[in-house]
Protein backbone atom coordinates (compact mmCIF):
# COMPACT_ATOMS: atom_id res chain seq x y z
CA MET A 1 0.00 0.00 0.00
CA GLN A 2 2.99 2.33 0.43
CA HIS A 3 3.19 2.78 -3.34
CA PHE A 4 -0.36 4.16 -3.37
CA ARG A 5 -0.12 6.35 -0.26
CA LEU A 6 0.44 9.54 -2.25
CA SER A 7 -2.43 8.60 -4.59
CA PHE A 8 -4.86 8.33 -1.68
CA ILE A 9 -3.65 11.68 -0.34
CA VAL A 10 -4.16 13.31 -3.76
CA THR A 11 -7.59 11.66 -4.04
CA ALA A 12 -8.69 13.03 -0.66
CA LEU A 13 -7.46 16.50 -1.61
CA CYS A 14 -9.16 16.41 -5.03
CA LEU A 15 -12.45 15.20 -3.53
CA ALA A 16 -12.32 17.95 -0.91
CA ILE A 17 -11.86 20.56 -3.65
CA ALA A 18 -14.63 18.90 -5.69
CA ILE A 19 -17.03 19.15 -2.73
CA TYR A 20 -16.15 22.82 -2.27
CA TRP A 21 -16.60 23.49 -6.00
CA GLY A 22 -19.56 21.32 -6.91
CA GLY A 23 -20.92 19.77 -3.73
CA ILE A 24 -21.32 16.05 -3.03
CA MET A 25 -22.45 15.41 -6.61
CA GLY A 26 -19.30 17.11 -7.91
CA ALA A 27 -17.14 14.85 -5.76
CA PHE A 28 -19.07 11.78 -6.90
CA ILE A 29 -18.59 12.68 -10.57
CA ALA A 30 -14.87 13.32 -9.98
CA LEU A 31 -14.55 9.89 -8.36
CA ILE A 32 -16.34 8.24 -11.30
CA LEU A 33 -14.01 9.98 -13.77
CA GLY A 34 -11.02 8.81 -11.73
CA VAL A 35 -12.18 5.18 -11.80
CA LEU A 36 -12.81 5.37 -15.56
CA GLU A 37 -9.36 6.87 -16.14
CA VAL A 38 -7.69 4.01 -14.25
CA SER A 39 -9.77 1.29 -15.93
CA LEU A 40 -8.98 2.64 -19.40
CA SER A 41 -5.28 3.25 -18.72
CA PHE A 42 -4.01 -0.01 -17.22
CA ASP A 43 -2.23 -0.83 -20.48
CA ASN A 44 -0.61 2.60 -20.26
CA ALA A 45 0.70 1.72 -16.79
CA VAL A 46 2.20 -1.55 -18.04
CA VAL A 47 4.01 0.09 -20.96
CA ASN A 48 5.14 2.90 -18.66
CA ALA A 49 6.55 0.28 -16.28
CA SER A 50 8.55 -1.38 -19.07
CA ILE A 51 10.24 1.99 -19.69
CA LEU A 52 10.41 3.16 -16.10
CA LYS A 53 12.32 0.08 -14.92
CA ARG A 54 15.25 1.22 -17.08
CA MET A 55 15.36 4.59 -15.28
CA ASP A 56 17.17 5.20 -12.00
CA GLU A 57 15.24 5.71 -8.76
CA ARG A 58 15.63 9.49 -8.83
CA TRP A 59 13.91 9.80 -12.20
CA GLN A 60 11.30 7.25 -11.21
CA GLN A 61 10.43 9.61 -8.36
CA TYR A 62 10.37 12.58 -10.75
CA PHE A 63 7.90 10.64 -12.88
CA LEU A 64 5.65 10.22 -9.85
CA THR A 65 5.91 13.87 -8.70
CA TRP A 66 6.76 16.35 -11.45
CA GLY A 67 5.31 13.98 -14.00
CA ILE A 68 1.90 14.04 -12.36
CA LEU A 69 1.88 17.86 -12.44
CA ILE A 70 2.66 17.80 -16.15
CA ALA A 71 0.04 15.11 -16.75
CA VAL A 72 -2.76 16.82 -14.83
CA PHE A 73 -2.21 20.52 -15.36
CA GLY A 74 -0.33 20.29 -18.63
CA MET A 75 -1.92 17.51 -20.65
CA ARG A 76 -5.41 17.41 -19.13
CA LEU A 77 -6.04 21.13 -18.55
CA LEU A 78 -3.67 23.48 -20.39
CA PHE A 79 -3.16 21.43 -23.55
CA PRO A 80 -6.90 21.15 -24.39
CA ILE A 81 -7.17 24.91 -23.81
CA ALA A 82 -4.24 25.43 -26.19
CA ILE A 83 -5.92 23.21 -28.80
CA VAL A 84 -9.14 25.23 -28.64
CA SER A 85 -7.13 28.45 -28.78
CA VAL A 86 -5.33 27.38 -31.97
CA ALA A 87 -8.52 26.04 -33.55
CA THR A 88 -10.62 29.14 -32.83
CA GLY A 89 -8.02 31.91 -32.85
CA ILE A 90 -9.13 32.99 -29.37
CA GLY A 91 -6.37 33.84 -26.88
CA LEU A 92 -5.46 31.46 -24.08
CA PHE A 93 -7.01 33.68 -21.42
CA GLY A 94 -10.18 33.96 -23.47
CA VAL A 95 -10.43 30.19 -23.85
CA THR A 96 -9.75 29.72 -20.13
CA ASP A 97 -12.57 32.12 -19.32
CA MET A 98 -14.79 30.23 -21.77
CA ALA A 99 -13.94 26.89 -20.11
CA LEU A 100 -14.89 28.23 -16.68
CA HIS A 101 -17.96 30.29 -17.55
CA ASP A 102 -19.24 28.81 -20.84
CA PRO A 103 -18.26 25.12 -20.68
CA ALA A 104 -20.83 24.09 -23.31
CA THR A 105 -19.17 26.24 -25.97
CA TYR A 106 -15.70 25.12 -24.82
CA ALA A 107 -16.75 21.47 -25.02
CA ARG A 108 -18.14 22.03 -28.52
CA HIS A 109 -14.89 23.63 -29.73
CA LEU A 110 -12.83 20.83 -28.18
CA THR A 111 -15.06 18.18 -29.76
CA ASP A 112 -14.73 19.96 -33.12
CA SER A 113 -10.96 19.40 -32.84
CA HIS A 114 -11.43 15.66 -32.34
CA VAL A 115 -10.16 14.70 -35.81
CA GLU A 116 -6.79 16.41 -35.33
CA ILE A 117 -6.46 15.07 -31.78
CA ALA A 118 -7.35 11.52 -32.82
CA ALA A 119 -4.97 11.62 -35.80
CA PHE A 120 -2.04 12.89 -33.72
CA GLY A 121 -2.58 10.58 -30.74
CA GLY A 122 -3.54 7.60 -32.89
CA MET A 123 -0.41 7.81 -35.04
CA PHE A 124 1.90 8.24 -32.04
CA LEU A 125 0.39 5.18 -30.33
CA LEU A 126 0.51 3.26 -33.61
CA MET A 127 4.25 3.92 -33.79
CA VAL A 128 4.61 2.63 -30.21
CA PHE A 129 2.77 -0.55 -31.22
CA PHE A 130 4.70 -1.07 -34.48
CA SER A 131 8.05 -0.49 -32.76
CA PHE A 132 7.25 -3.30 -30.33
CA ILE A 133 5.85 -5.69 -32.93
CA PHE A 134 8.74 -5.21 -35.36
CA ASP A 135 11.46 -5.37 -32.71
CA GLU A 136 13.80 -8.00 -34.12
CA GLY A 137 15.65 -8.23 -30.79
CA LYS A 138 12.52 -9.49 -29.00
CA GLU A 139 13.19 -13.05 -27.85
CA LEU A 140 9.83 -14.01 -26.30
CA HIS A 141 6.78 -14.08 -28.57
CA TRP A 142 3.25 -14.21 -27.21
CA LEU A 143 1.66 -15.26 -30.52
CA GLY A 144 4.37 -17.77 -31.34
CA THR A 145 5.39 -18.14 -34.98
CA ILE A 146 3.13 -15.31 -36.18
CA GLU A 147 4.71 -12.77 -33.86
CA GLU A 148 8.18 -14.14 -34.52
CA LYS A 149 7.75 -13.60 -38.26
CA MET A 150 6.47 -10.07 -37.66
CA SER A 151 9.56 -9.35 -35.59
CA GLY A 152 11.64 -10.55 -38.53
CA PHE A 153 10.20 -7.76 -40.67
CA GLY A 154 11.99 -5.37 -38.33
CA LYS A 155 15.09 -5.98 -40.45
CA LEU A 156 13.46 -3.79 -43.10
CA GLU A 157 14.64 -0.24 -42.50
CA SER A 158 11.92 2.17 -41.28
CA ILE A 159 9.16 -0.45 -41.71
CA GLU A 160 7.20 1.16 -38.85
CA ILE A 161 7.18 4.59 -40.49
CA ILE A 162 6.28 3.18 -43.90
CA LEU A 163 3.29 1.25 -42.57
CA ALA A 164 2.14 4.06 -40.28
CA LEU A 165 2.19 6.71 -43.02
CA GLY A 166 0.57 4.33 -45.48
CA LEU A 167 -2.24 3.66 -43.03
CA LEU A 168 -2.61 7.39 -42.37
CA LEU A 169 -2.95 8.13 -46.10
CA PHE A 170 -5.60 5.44 -46.45
CA THR A 171 -7.51 6.58 -43.35
CA GLN A 172 -7.58 10.25 -44.23
CA SER A 173 -8.77 9.43 -47.75
CA LEU A 174 -11.98 8.11 -46.20
CA LEU A 175 -12.67 11.41 -44.43
CA PRO A 176 -14.71 14.30 -45.84
CA GLU A 177 -12.50 16.38 -48.11
CA ALA A 178 -12.80 19.47 -45.88
CA ILE A 179 -10.89 17.86 -42.99
CA ARG A 180 -8.44 15.61 -44.83
CA LEU A 181 -5.55 18.07 -44.71
CA GLU A 182 -5.94 18.71 -40.97
CA ALA A 183 -5.99 14.97 -40.27
CA LEU A 184 -2.95 14.37 -42.48
CA VAL A 185 -0.89 17.14 -40.89
CA ALA A 186 -1.80 16.08 -37.34
CA GLY A 187 -1.05 12.42 -38.09
CA VAL A 188 2.32 13.20 -39.66
CA ALA A 189 3.13 15.38 -36.62
CA GLY A 190 2.47 12.38 -34.37
CA VAL A 191 4.89 10.23 -36.36
CA ILE A 192 7.53 12.99 -36.45
CA LEU A 193 7.34 13.49 -32.69
CA TYR A 194 7.80 9.76 -32.08
CA VAL A 195 10.80 9.66 -34.41
CA ILE A 196 12.37 12.73 -32.78
CA VAL A 197 12.05 11.30 -29.27
CA GLY A 198 13.37 7.91 -30.40
CA SER A 199 16.26 9.46 -32.33
CA LEU A 200 17.35 11.66 -29.43
CA SER A 201 17.24 8.65 -27.11
CA ALA A 202 19.50 6.73 -29.50
CA LEU A 203 21.85 9.72 -29.76
CA PHE A 204 22.16 10.08 -25.99
CA GLU A 205 22.80 6.36 -25.56
CA ASP A 206 25.61 6.43 -28.11
CA GLU A 207 28.81 6.47 -26.10
CA GLU A 208 30.76 7.61 -29.15
CA GLU A 209 29.06 10.98 -28.74
CA GLY A 210 30.93 11.40 -25.48
CA GLU A 211 31.06 8.77 -22.76
CA GLU A 212 30.65 11.22 -19.87
CA LEU A 213 27.64 12.96 -21.41
CA ALA A 214 26.07 9.66 -22.42
CA GLU A 215 26.49 8.24 -18.92
CA VAL A 216 24.87 11.28 -17.29
CA LEU A 217 21.95 11.23 -19.70
CA LYS A 218 21.44 7.51 -19.32
CA LYS A 219 21.38 7.83 -15.54
CA GLY A 220 19.12 10.85 -15.66
CA SER A 221 16.82 9.17 -18.20
CA VAL A 222 15.74 12.55 -19.55
CA MET A 223 14.46 11.28 -22.87
CA SER A 224 12.67 8.33 -21.27
CA PHE A 225 10.88 10.80 -19.00
CA LEU A 226 9.90 12.91 -22.02
CA TYR A 227 8.74 9.82 -23.90
CA LEU A 228 6.54 8.76 -20.98
CA GLU A 229 4.92 12.19 -20.82
CA VAL A 230 4.15 12.21 -24.55
CA LEU A 231 2.80 8.67 -24.30
CA ASP A 232 0.58 9.72 -21.41
CA ALA A 233 -0.64 12.69 -23.43
CA SER A 234 -1.63 10.41 -26.32
CA PHE A 235 -3.63 8.27 -23.92
CA SER A 236 -5.28 11.27 -22.27
CA PHE A 237 -6.63 13.06 -25.37
CA ASP A 238 -9.74 10.97 -25.83
CA GLY A 239 -10.27 10.71 -22.10
CA VAL A 240 -10.53 14.50 -21.79
CA ILE A 241 -13.05 14.72 -24.62
CA GLY A 242 -15.00 11.70 -23.34
CA ALA A 243 -15.23 13.25 -19.87
CA PHE A 244 -17.49 15.98 -21.28
CA ALA A 245 -20.11 13.29 -21.88
CA ILE A 246 -20.36 12.98 -18.09
CA THR A 247 -19.96 16.61 -17.05
CA GLN A 248 -19.04 19.91 -18.69
CA ASP A 249 -17.45 21.35 -15.55
CA VAL A 250 -13.76 21.59 -16.46
CA VAL A 251 -12.70 21.85 -12.80
CA ILE A 252 -14.47 18.59 -11.89
CA ILE A 253 -13.04 16.97 -15.03
CA MET A 254 -9.51 18.03 -14.09
CA LEU A 255 -9.95 16.79 -10.51
CA GLY A 256 -11.36 13.44 -11.64
CA LEU A 257 -8.66 12.87 -14.24
CA ALA A 258 -6.06 13.93 -11.68
CA ILE A 259 -7.21 11.13 -9.37
CA GLY A 260 -7.01 8.62 -12.21
CA ALA A 261 -3.65 9.84 -13.48
CA MET A 262 -2.14 9.66 -9.99
CA PHE A 263 -3.26 6.05 -9.49
CA VAL A 264 -1.96 5.09 -12.95
CA ARG A 265 1.44 6.48 -11.99
CA SER A 266 1.42 4.73 -8.62
CA LEU A 267 0.44 1.51 -10.38
CA THR A 268 3.34 1.99 -12.78
CA VAL A 269 5.84 2.31 -9.93
CA TYR A 270 4.24 -0.67 -8.16
CA LEU A 271 4.70 -2.85 -11.25
CA VAL A 272 8.37 -1.86 -11.38
CA ARG A 273 9.08 -2.32 -7.67
CA GLN A 274 7.31 -5.69 -7.48
CA GLY A 275 8.95 -7.03 -10.64
CA THR A 276 5.51 -7.80 -12.09
CA LEU A 277 6.74 -7.64 -15.69
CA ASP A 278 9.32 -10.32 -14.90
CA GLU A 279 6.67 -12.43 -13.15
CA TYR A 280 4.07 -12.12 -15.95
CA VAL A 281 6.27 -12.25 -19.02
CA PHE A 282 3.50 -11.64 -21.58
CA LEU A 283 1.95 -8.69 -19.74
CA GLU A 284 3.98 -6.19 -21.75
CA HIS A 285 2.87 -7.93 -24.95
CA GLY A 286 -0.77 -7.68 -23.99
CA ALA A 287 -0.40 -4.00 -23.12
CA HIS A 288 1.20 -3.20 -26.48
CA TYR A 289 -1.54 -5.05 -28.36
CA ALA A 290 -4.07 -3.04 -26.35
CA ILE A 291 -2.23 0.11 -27.44
CA GLY A 292 -2.44 -1.06 -31.06
CA VAL A 293 -6.19 -1.51 -30.69
CA LEU A 294 -6.50 1.92 -29.06
CA ALA A 295 -4.55 3.50 -31.93
CA ALA A 296 -6.86 1.83 -34.46
CA ILE A 297 -9.94 2.97 -32.52
CA MET A 298 -8.66 6.56 -32.40
CA LEU A 299 -8.09 6.56 -36.16
CA LEU A 300 -11.51 5.01 -36.81
CA SER A 301 -13.12 7.54 -34.47
CA MET A 302 -12.23 10.30 -36.93
CA ASN A 303 -15.11 9.03 -39.06
CA HIS A 304 -17.20 6.89 -36.70
CA HIS A 305 -18.27 7.22 -33.07
CA ILE A 306 -16.90 4.36 -30.97
CA PRO A 307 -18.00 4.11 -27.31
CA GLU A 308 -15.17 4.24 -24.79
CA VAL A 309 -16.50 1.07 -23.18
CA VAL A 310 -15.30 -0.79 -26.29
CA THR A 311 -11.76 0.47 -25.74
CA GLY A 312 -11.89 -0.48 -22.07
CA LEU A 313 -13.27 -3.97 -22.68
CA VAL A 314 -10.81 -4.84 -25.45
CA GLY A 315 -7.89 -3.58 -23.36
CA ALA A 316 -9.05 -5.53 -20.30
CA ILE A 317 -9.50 -8.72 -22.33
CA LEU A 318 -6.02 -8.46 -23.87
CA ILE A 319 -4.41 -7.75 -20.50
CA GLY A 320 -6.31 -10.66 -18.93
CA LEU A 321 -5.28 -13.05 -21.70
CA SER A 322 -1.64 -11.99 -21.41
CA VAL A 323 -1.68 -12.65 -17.64
CA TYR A 324 -3.27 -16.06 -18.20
CA SER A 325 -0.69 -16.90 -20.87
CA SER A 326 2.09 -15.81 -18.52
CA ILE A 327 0.83 -18.14 -15.78
CA LEU A 328 0.66 -21.06 -18.23
CA TYR A 329 4.14 -20.26 -19.55
CA LYS A 330 5.59 -20.17 -16.04
CA LYS A 331 3.92 -23.48 -15.22
CA GLN A 332 5.29 -25.07 -18.39
CA GLN A 333 8.79 -23.78 -17.61
CA ALA A 334 8.57 -25.24 -14.10
CA GLU A 335 7.51 -28.60 -15.51
CA GLY A 336 10.30 -28.47 -18.08
CA ILE A 337 7.94 -28.57 -21.05
């Protein structure tokens, strides 16, 4: 329980603020949003844990403290305001005032930006999925021969980018002509951001660029921290928009998502500290397949409405199957099969 102590403290604080702002009903809605955020983001926690375990303890703590501030205030409050500001041409202070005093109009503007948000987040998550699937250095394969052959395609240079951009071109061609360009630009931006983060990580890990600098950066895990924040942002986009289906009060939304984001981070650290990924060897596989499904859903949502419950159920099923497969695998290894 020590890993979740800070999460419970943050939850109590957020609920107290929610009661002050919106009464008992406001606190109840914030709690519901927090539960939904956790249930839809378990795969995010697993992938985060696979990255976080390579970071030193100092940066793991930064992820749990400074990272939560970036996630809550940056990605779940300020970034949506920035999106509406760019889309409408209204200044940041004007959009902030709109969010607080005219939430219906703010929600409408944010929803109108769904195509660009879905394209950007969907393509970034798709690159995360492809990079895992086409990793030729991966030794353990959940889907056996099928997954092993897919990993073999990783020998083809830039196969992830080729497939991702090809899928983006096909997807945006199905959209109404008026929004194709916006979707294309946002999707390409998602791919570019993923490539930039990955390239900088590779540069900093290259000891030929200076052993002392490389060692400091590897210990500090700066780029891994940045990657985790961008990954969290990609997961949070649809959650912010979906929250308006429950309430249009941006303060309650922020408080509810803050509760969920804090528990997701605590869960991430718990998975690292307990060695859960080593215990359930296919858990990381299941989480990445769930991310692949989420990416596909986000891209499809540009043209079709898909209930969030579908995303949650598919993710839960994949995570459950990966845990079950891990238990069977461990049993088979113990029996020498």
